[in-house]
Amino acid sequence: MKNMYMKAAIGLYSNYFLLGMVNIILSSNMESLTAKWGTTSTIISYIIAAIGFGKLLSYSSLGVLSDKVGRKPLLIISSFLMAIFLVSIPLLPSYKLAFLFAVLAGVANAAMDAGSYPALVEIFTKKSGSANVLVKAFMSTGATILPFIILFLSDNGLFFGYSFFLLAAIYLFNMIILLLSTFPKVNEVKLEENEETVKPIVPFKSEPKLLKEGLSLIVIGFTSTALFTVAQIWLPSYGQEAVFMTTNEAVKLLSYYSIGSVVSVLVLAFILGNKIKATTILIVYPMITVLTVAVILTVKEPSVITIASFFLGFSTAGVLQLAITLMTELFWMRKGTVTGLVATASGVASVVMPLITGAIAEKGAINFIFIFDGFIAVIGIIAALFIFVRYKKLTLKNF
């Protein structure tokens, strides 16, 4: 039967489609922004980092707020703040002001996550894993489309800021859609259009522990983000320095990485909830990452690295979303709060990993960065194995 919350779901996925564009819009317009503000690309990279700082500042508090006031208010605020950020950046006279608006964008992103992930679990009660994994697919699709918009503006001699204004307008339109949409009540589930609303009964033999299962999923929130952060930053450099690829060939590795990510989330959306469970994927995917990193470090051939880039993208996509899904399932009475905890760990990884790997690159060969990457994947496997065993004991199901 038709899900009565489908309009809300469309609004949520539209937000993440736009977020995929927002995530790369500053770096994609770096030349225009440096010219406008008379600064350097390094400053623009600091502004991008300020977005991550804004997320770190607000993830936990907004997660708690999501449980207290509901998902919808946070999503409305998120769309509005994101629109302000997008309209302001091309018009600001100074990069110093841009730092403030970047922090605002980080808060908007955190509000989006704190409202969206729990809402998707409540909307798609029987397919929550697939529903959350699709977030990554929409983000990847948005990131693929934005460069074509920027190229169109450049080829036609149009103001670079139009790409920002376009996204802001769509965010505001989507805000109206969300405002008019019906959302499930917090921690209540309506399974189908004509079925009664029920309070979920905790389906566990014993109560999950935040310091056991919860902490393990928080660790996975960190490791999953760390793995794709390292790959996205250092794959081109590794291709050039270790495999002696040309600049253009090395940059294309990220394209193959992105293709792997899109394929992965589409596969996950199809197989999750059937015979393959989220707890299994959390183990298998980092194992694939470890094997792929081993190949990258030992077989330094351009064709092999190209294929390996695809598998790196495949094995690092969707893991964060699955960790959040399991967290909200285990601690269903505090979905927003626990989403904030996993998202905070993810935010820490996005800030810390560039600093650590940058220091490694300065002091040694780039190979050590991917050795470190493999070590992070092993930590993720250990945490996932613990979750696999504990989840099976808690539910007495064959997960």
Protein backbone atom coordinates (compact mmCIF):
# COMPACT_ATOMS: atom_id res chain seq x y z
CA MET A 1 0.00 0.00 0.00
CA LYS A 2 1.04 3.59 -0.52
CA ASN A 3 3.17 5.10 2.23
CA MET A 4 1.38 8.22 3.51
CA TYR A 5 4.72 9.90 4.23
CA MET A 6 6.08 9.66 0.68
CA LYS A 7 5.97 13.43 0.13
CA ALA A 8 8.16 13.90 3.19
CA ALA A 9 10.57 11.24 1.92
CA ILE A 10 10.86 12.98 -1.45
CA GLY A 11 11.68 16.22 0.37
CA LEU A 12 14.36 14.49 2.45
CA TYR A 13 16.06 12.88 -0.52
CA SER A 14 15.88 16.15 -2.49
CA ASN A 15 17.74 17.88 0.34
CA TYR A 16 20.56 15.33 0.12
CA PHE A 17 20.66 15.57 -3.67
CA LEU A 18 21.30 19.30 -3.17
CA LEU A 19 23.76 18.64 -0.33
CA GLY A 20 25.88 16.57 -2.70
CA MET A 21 26.25 19.74 -4.77
CA VAL A 22 26.85 21.97 -1.75
CA ASN A 23 29.68 19.71 -0.57
CA ILE A 24 31.74 20.51 -3.67
CA ILE A 25 30.43 23.93 -4.68
CA LEU A 26 33.20 25.91 -2.94
CA SER A 27 36.04 23.80 -4.29
CA SER A 28 34.43 23.74 -7.75
CA ASN A 29 34.29 27.56 -7.77
CA MET A 30 37.68 28.03 -6.14
CA GLU A 31 39.16 30.09 -8.97
CA SER A 32 36.21 32.49 -9.02
CA LEU A 33 36.13 32.86 -5.24
CA THR A 34 39.87 33.48 -4.92
CA ALA A 35 39.62 36.16 -7.60
CA LYS A 36 36.60 37.80 -5.96
CA TRP A 37 38.15 37.93 -2.48
CA GLY A 38 41.77 38.41 -3.58
CA THR A 39 42.94 35.42 -1.61
CA THR A 40 44.44 31.96 -2.15
CA SER A 41 43.10 28.46 -2.59
CA THR A 42 44.42 27.63 0.89
CA ILE A 43 41.99 30.12 2.41
CA ILE A 44 39.12 28.55 0.48
CA SER A 45 40.12 25.15 1.86
CA TYR A 46 39.98 26.63 5.37
CA ILE A 47 36.48 27.92 4.66
CA ILE A 48 35.50 24.41 3.59
CA ALA A 49 36.95 23.09 6.86
CA ALA A 50 34.81 25.63 8.74
CA ILE A 51 31.73 23.78 7.48
CA GLY A 52 33.00 20.65 9.23
CA PHE A 53 33.64 22.70 12.36
CA GLY A 54 30.03 23.91 12.30
CA LYS A 55 28.83 20.33 12.12
CA LEU A 56 31.00 19.29 15.05
CA LEU A 57 29.71 22.15 17.18
CA SER A 58 26.08 21.25 16.72
CA TYR A 59 25.62 17.54 15.94
CA SER A 60 25.02 16.29 19.48
CA SER A 61 22.76 19.12 20.65
CA LEU A 62 20.68 19.01 17.47
CA GLY A 63 20.30 15.23 17.84
CA VAL A 64 18.78 15.72 21.29
CA LEU A 65 16.60 18.54 19.94
CA SER A 66 15.34 16.25 17.18
CA ASP A 67 13.94 13.88 19.80
CA LYS A 68 12.39 16.70 21.80
CA VAL A 69 10.76 18.90 19.14
CA GLY A 70 10.51 16.44 16.23
CA ARG A 71 12.18 15.97 12.86
CA LYS A 72 10.21 18.48 10.80
CA PRO A 73 11.25 21.73 12.57
CA LEU A 74 14.95 20.84 12.21
CA LEU A 75 14.52 20.08 8.52
CA ILE A 76 12.75 23.39 7.89
CA ILE A 77 15.50 25.29 9.73
CA SER A 78 18.18 23.34 7.84
CA SER A 79 16.79 24.25 4.42
CA PHE A 80 16.45 27.90 5.38
CA LEU A 81 19.99 28.18 6.78
CA MET A 82 21.45 26.41 3.75
CA ALA A 83 19.67 28.85 1.44
CA ILE A 84 21.12 31.80 3.40
CA PHE A 85 24.62 30.34 3.06
CA LEU A 86 24.25 29.79 -0.68
CA VAL A 87 22.86 33.25 -1.40
CA SER A 88 25.47 34.97 0.74
CA ILE A 89 28.74 33.40 -0.45
CA PRO A 90 28.84 34.94 -3.97
CA LEU A 91 27.85 38.35 -2.54
CA LEU A 92 30.16 38.60 0.46
CA PRO A 93 32.87 41.27 0.15
CA SER A 94 35.39 39.41 2.33
CA TYR A 95 36.52 35.84 2.90
CA LYS A 96 36.52 36.56 6.65
CA LEU A 97 32.74 36.80 6.60
CA ALA A 98 32.63 33.60 4.57
CA PHE A 99 34.03 31.70 7.56
CA LEU A 100 30.96 32.64 9.61
CA PHE A 101 28.54 31.60 6.89
CA ALA A 102 30.46 28.34 6.40
CA VAL A 103 29.95 27.51 10.07
CA LEU A 104 26.25 28.28 9.50
CA ALA A 105 26.22 25.79 6.63
CA GLY A 106 27.76 23.18 8.94
CA VAL A 107 24.97 23.74 11.46
CA ALA A 108 22.43 23.39 8.63
CA ASN A 109 24.04 20.10 7.57
CA ALA A 110 23.95 18.80 11.14
CA ALA A 111 20.27 19.74 11.48
CA MET A 112 19.55 17.93 8.21
CA ASP A 113 21.22 14.75 9.44
CA ALA A 114 19.64 14.90 12.91
CA GLY A 115 16.18 15.20 11.39
CA SER A 116 16.49 13.10 8.23
CA TYR A 117 18.04 9.81 9.34
CA PRO A 118 15.58 9.20 12.20
CA ALA A 119 12.68 10.34 9.98
CA LEU A 120 13.64 7.87 7.23
CA VAL A 121 13.77 5.05 9.80
CA GLU A 122 10.28 6.04 10.97
CA ILE A 123 8.90 6.42 7.42
CA PHE A 124 10.33 3.20 5.97
CA THR A 125 9.98 0.91 8.95
CA LYS A 126 10.56 -2.30 7.00
CA LYS A 127 13.37 -1.00 4.76
CA SER A 128 15.16 1.46 7.02
CA GLY A 129 18.63 0.28 6.00
CA SER A 130 17.95 0.69 2.30
CA ALA A 131 16.21 4.03 2.92
CA ASN A 132 19.22 5.51 4.73
CA VAL A 133 21.75 4.09 2.27
CA LEU A 134 19.91 5.83 -0.60
CA VAL A 135 20.95 9.12 1.00
CA LYS A 136 24.47 8.44 -0.26
CA ALA A 137 23.17 7.71 -3.76
CA PHE A 138 21.35 11.04 -3.96
CA MET A 139 24.41 12.91 -2.68
CA SER A 140 26.69 11.22 -5.21
CA THR A 141 24.26 12.02 -8.02
CA GLY A 142 24.13 15.68 -7.01
CA ALA A 143 27.92 15.87 -6.90
CA THR A 144 28.06 14.43 -10.41
CA ILE A 145 25.65 17.01 -11.86
CA LEU A 146 27.02 20.25 -10.36
CA PRO A 147 30.21 20.39 -12.51
CA PHE A 148 28.04 20.46 -15.64
CA ILE A 149 26.08 23.44 -14.26
CA ILE A 150 29.31 25.29 -13.50
CA LEU A 151 30.69 24.45 -16.93
CA PHE A 152 27.51 25.81 -18.59
CA LEU A 153 27.81 29.10 -16.70
CA SER A 154 31.51 29.42 -17.58
CA ASP A 155 31.03 28.61 -21.27
CA ASN A 156 28.30 31.24 -21.56
CA GLY A 157 30.17 33.94 -19.62
CA LEU A 158 27.58 34.01 -16.82
CA PHE A 159 28.12 34.99 -13.19
CA PHE A 160 29.51 32.06 -11.18
CA GLY A 161 27.13 32.90 -8.34
CA TYR A 162 24.13 31.72 -10.33
CA SER A 163 25.00 28.14 -9.39
CA PHE A 164 24.73 29.15 -5.71
CA PHE A 165 21.47 31.03 -6.27
CA LEU A 166 19.93 28.11 -8.14
CA LEU A 167 20.59 25.70 -5.28
CA ALA A 168 19.29 28.25 -2.76
CA ALA A 169 16.04 28.62 -4.70
CA ILE A 170 15.55 24.85 -4.84
CA TYR A 171 16.27 24.56 -1.11
CA LEU A 172 13.57 27.16 -0.38
CA PHE A 173 11.11 25.39 -2.68
CA ASN A 174 11.92 22.10 -0.98
CA MET A 175 11.42 23.77 2.40
CA ILE A 176 7.82 24.51 1.38
CA ILE A 177 7.35 20.86 0.35
CA LEU A 178 8.60 19.73 3.77
CA LEU A 179 6.42 22.31 5.50
CA LEU A 180 3.34 20.85 3.79
CA SER A 181 4.38 17.24 4.36
CA THR A 182 3.17 14.87 7.07
CA PHE A 183 5.81 13.20 9.23
CA PRO A 184 5.45 10.26 11.63
CA LYS A 185 5.30 11.20 15.28
CA VAL A 186 8.65 10.84 17.01
CA ASN A 187 9.28 7.20 17.94
CA GLU A 188 5.88 6.11 16.64
CA VAL A 189 5.34 4.07 13.48
CA LYS A 190 2.47 3.95 11.03
CA LEU A 191 3.20 0.92 8.87
CA GLU A 192 0.73 1.53 6.04
CA GLU A 193 -1.93 4.05 5.13
CA ASN A 194 -4.86 2.24 6.75
CA GLU A 195 -3.06 0.56 9.63
CA GLU A 196 -3.20 1.81 13.18
CA THR A 197 -0.40 3.79 14.74
CA VAL A 198 1.49 1.78 17.34
CA LYS A 199 4.22 2.31 19.84
CA PRO A 200 7.13 0.10 18.83
CA ILE A 201 7.93 -2.68 21.28
CA VAL A 202 11.67 -3.08 21.80
CA PRO A 203 12.43 -6.35 19.95
CA PHE A 204 15.38 -7.32 22.12
CA LYS A 205 15.89 -10.07 24.65
CA SER A 206 17.88 -7.61 26.77
CA GLU A 207 18.35 -3.87 26.63
CA PRO A 208 21.16 -2.68 24.28
CA LYS A 209 23.97 -0.82 26.04
CA LEU A 210 25.27 2.49 24.76
CA LEU A 211 28.76 1.73 26.10
CA LYS A 212 28.84 -1.60 24.24
CA GLU A 213 26.81 -1.74 21.02
CA GLY A 214 26.49 2.04 20.89
CA LEU A 215 30.20 2.70 21.30
CA SER A 216 31.05 0.15 18.62
CA LEU A 217 28.74 1.88 16.13
CA ILE A 218 30.22 5.25 17.06
CA VAL A 219 33.66 3.80 16.26
CA ILE A 220 32.31 2.64 12.88
CA GLY A 221 30.97 6.16 12.33
CA PHE A 222 34.56 7.37 12.69
CA THR A 223 36.28 4.64 10.68
CA SER A 224 33.80 4.69 7.78
CA THR A 225 34.25 8.44 7.31
CA ALA A 226 38.00 8.19 7.79
CA LEU A 227 38.27 5.61 5.00
CA PHE A 228 36.50 7.61 2.32
CA THR A 229 38.13 10.86 3.45
CA VAL A 230 41.61 9.40 2.96
CA ALA A 231 40.71 7.95 -0.43
CA GLN A 232 39.16 11.15 -1.75
CA ILE A 233 42.14 13.28 -0.67
CA TRP A 234 45.09 11.02 -1.53
CA LEU A 235 44.13 8.76 -4.44
CA PRO A 236 45.28 11.25 -7.11
CA SER A 237 48.54 11.96 -5.28
CA TYR A 238 49.20 8.24 -4.89
CA GLY A 239 48.57 7.69 -8.57
CA GLN A 240 51.10 10.36 -9.49
CA GLU A 241 53.82 9.68 -6.93
CA ALA A 242 53.69 5.90 -6.52
CA VAL A 243 52.36 4.71 -9.88
CA PHE A 244 53.79 7.56 -12.01
CA MET A 245 50.46 8.37 -13.67
CA THR A 246 49.96 11.70 -15.41
CA THR A 247 47.99 14.39 -13.60
CA ASN A 248 44.88 13.85 -15.72
CA GLU A 249 45.04 10.08 -15.30
CA ALA A 250 45.47 10.41 -11.53
CA VAL A 251 42.53 12.81 -11.18
CA LYS A 252 40.33 10.37 -13.08
CA LEU A 253 40.85 7.87 -10.26
CA LEU A 254 38.31 9.89 -8.27
CA SER A 255 35.77 9.42 -11.06
CA TYR A 256 36.16 5.65 -10.84
CA TYR A 257 35.95 5.95 -7.06
CA SER A 258 32.64 7.86 -7.38
CA ILE A 259 31.25 5.30 -9.83
CA GLY A 260 32.05 2.57 -7.30
CA SER A 261 30.20 4.54 -4.61
CA VAL A 262 27.06 4.93 -6.71
CA VAL A 263 27.07 1.25 -7.72
CA SER A 264 27.53 0.25 -4.08
CA VAL A 265 24.57 2.18 -2.69
CA LEU A 266 22.30 0.94 -5.46
CA VAL A 267 23.34 -2.66 -4.71
CA LEU A 268 22.82 -2.11 -0.98
CA ALA A 269 19.38 -0.61 -1.52
CA PHE A 270 18.41 -3.76 -3.42
CA ILE A 271 19.90 -6.47 -1.20
CA LEU A 272 19.36 -5.06 2.30
CA GLY A 273 16.39 -6.49 4.13
CA ASN A 274 16.23 -9.55 1.89
CA LYS A 275 18.91 -12.14 2.61
CA ILE A 276 21.77 -9.77 3.43
CA LYS A 277 21.68 -7.87 6.71
CA ALA A 278 23.32 -4.60 7.70
CA THR A 279 25.47 -6.29 10.35
CA THR A 280 27.01 -8.49 7.64
CA ILE A 281 27.73 -5.54 5.33
CA LEU A 282 29.53 -3.71 8.16
CA ILE A 283 32.01 -6.62 8.29
CA VAL A 284 32.35 -7.40 4.59
CA TYR A 285 32.85 -3.87 3.28
CA PRO A 286 35.92 -2.93 5.37
CA MET A 287 37.36 -6.36 4.55
CA ILE A 288 37.09 -5.44 0.87
CA THR A 289 38.80 -2.15 1.71
CA VAL A 290 41.72 -3.95 3.40
CA LEU A 291 42.18 -6.25 0.41
CA THR A 292 41.96 -3.34 -2.02
CA VAL A 293 44.53 -1.32 -0.07
CA ALA A 294 46.84 -4.34 -0.08
CA VAL A 295 46.55 -4.52 -3.86
CA ILE A 296 47.21 -0.78 -4.20
CA LEU A 297 50.36 -1.05 -2.11
CA THR A 298 51.78 -4.13 -3.86
CA VAL A 299 50.69 -3.93 -7.52
CA LYS A 300 51.61 -0.47 -8.76
CA GLU A 301 50.20 -0.62 -12.26
CA PRO A 302 47.89 2.11 -13.67
CA SER A 303 45.21 -0.35 -14.81
CA VAL A 304 45.21 -2.12 -11.43
CA ILE A 305 45.00 1.16 -9.49
CA THR A 306 42.09 2.24 -11.67
CA ILE A 307 40.14 -0.93 -10.87
CA ALA A 308 41.15 -0.68 -7.22
CA SER A 309 39.79 2.88 -7.08
CA PHE A 310 36.38 1.55 -8.09
CA PHE A 311 36.46 -1.03 -5.31
CA LEU A 312 37.60 1.55 -2.76
CA GLY A 313 34.55 3.63 -3.66
CA PHE A 314 32.34 0.55 -3.58
CA SER A 315 33.53 -0.63 -0.15
CA THR A 316 33.41 2.73 1.63
CA ALA A 317 29.96 3.87 0.46
CA GLY A 318 26.90 3.44 2.64
CA VAL A 319 28.71 2.14 5.72
CA LEU A 320 28.10 5.34 7.72
CA GLN A 321 24.40 5.25 6.84
CA LEU A 322 24.13 1.61 7.92
CA ALA A 323 25.83 2.41 11.24
CA ILE A 324 23.27 5.16 11.84
CA THR A 325 20.41 2.83 10.89
CA LEU A 326 21.52 0.17 13.38
CA MET A 327 22.07 2.81 16.05
CA THR A 328 18.51 4.11 15.67
CA GLU A 329 17.17 0.55 15.70
CA LEU A 330 18.99 -0.40 18.88
CA PHE A 331 18.21 2.85 20.69
CA TRP A 332 14.86 3.63 19.06
CA MET A 333 13.59 5.86 21.88
CA ARG A 334 16.49 8.29 21.27
CA LYS A 335 16.90 8.19 17.50
CA GLY A 336 17.91 11.81 17.12
CA THR A 337 20.32 11.72 20.03
CA VAL A 338 22.17 8.60 18.91
CA THR A 339 22.24 9.82 15.31
CA GLY A 340 24.03 12.88 16.62
CA LEU A 341 26.62 10.71 18.39
CA VAL A 342 27.50 8.71 15.25
CA ALA A 343 27.46 11.87 13.12
CA THR A 344 29.77 13.60 15.58
CA ALA A 345 32.28 10.75 15.28
CA SER A 346 32.00 11.10 11.51
CA GLY A 347 32.62 14.83 11.76
CA VAL A 348 35.70 14.28 13.94
CA ALA A 349 37.11 11.95 11.28
CA SER A 350 36.52 14.48 8.50
CA VAL A 351 38.50 17.09 10.42
CA VAL A 352 41.22 14.90 11.97
CA MET A 353 42.12 12.61 9.07
CA PRO A 354 43.34 15.35 6.69
CA LEU A 355 45.61 16.65 9.46
CA ILE A 356 47.06 13.22 10.34
CA THR A 357 47.55 12.07 6.75
CA GLY A 358 49.00 15.45 5.82
CA ALA A 359 51.59 15.06 8.56
CA ILE A 360 52.38 11.53 7.36
CA ALA A 361 52.84 12.78 3.81
CA GLU A 362 55.32 15.42 4.97
CA LYS A 363 57.45 12.96 6.92
CA GLY A 364 57.46 9.87 4.71
CA ALA A 365 56.38 8.17 1.52
CA ILE A 366 52.75 8.35 0.52
CA ASN A 367 52.59 4.56 0.89
CA PHE A 368 52.35 5.02 4.66
CA ILE A 369 49.08 6.90 4.25
CA PHE A 370 47.43 3.86 2.73
CA ILE A 371 49.04 1.54 5.28
CA PHE A 372 47.41 3.77 7.90
CA ASP A 373 44.16 3.56 5.91
CA GLY A 374 44.30 -0.24 6.09
CA PHE A 375 44.85 -0.06 9.85
CA ILE A 376 41.72 2.11 10.21
CA ALA A 377 39.76 -0.47 8.18
CA VAL A 378 40.91 -3.25 10.54
CA ILE A 379 39.59 -1.27 13.52
CA GLY A 380 36.26 -0.98 11.69
CA ILE A 381 36.19 -4.76 11.12
CA ILE A 382 36.80 -5.45 14.83
CA ALA A 383 33.97 -3.08 15.84
CA ALA A 384 31.67 -4.64 13.23
CA LEU A 385 32.41 -8.18 14.45
CA PHE A 386 31.45 -7.13 17.97
CA ILE A 387 28.17 -5.68 16.68
CA PHE A 388 27.47 -8.83 14.67
CA VAL A 389 27.83 -11.08 17.72
CA ARG A 390 25.99 -8.77 20.13
CA TYR A 391 23.10 -8.09 17.73
CA LYS A 392 22.54 -11.81 17.24
CA LYS A 393 22.46 -12.38 21.01
CA LEU A 394 20.15 -9.43 21.62
CA THR A 395 17.60 -10.37 18.98
CA LEU A 396 18.00 -14.16 18.83
CA LYS A 397 17.79 -13.81 15.05
CA ASN A 398 20.15 -15.09 12.38
CA PHE A 399 21.77 -11.74 11.63
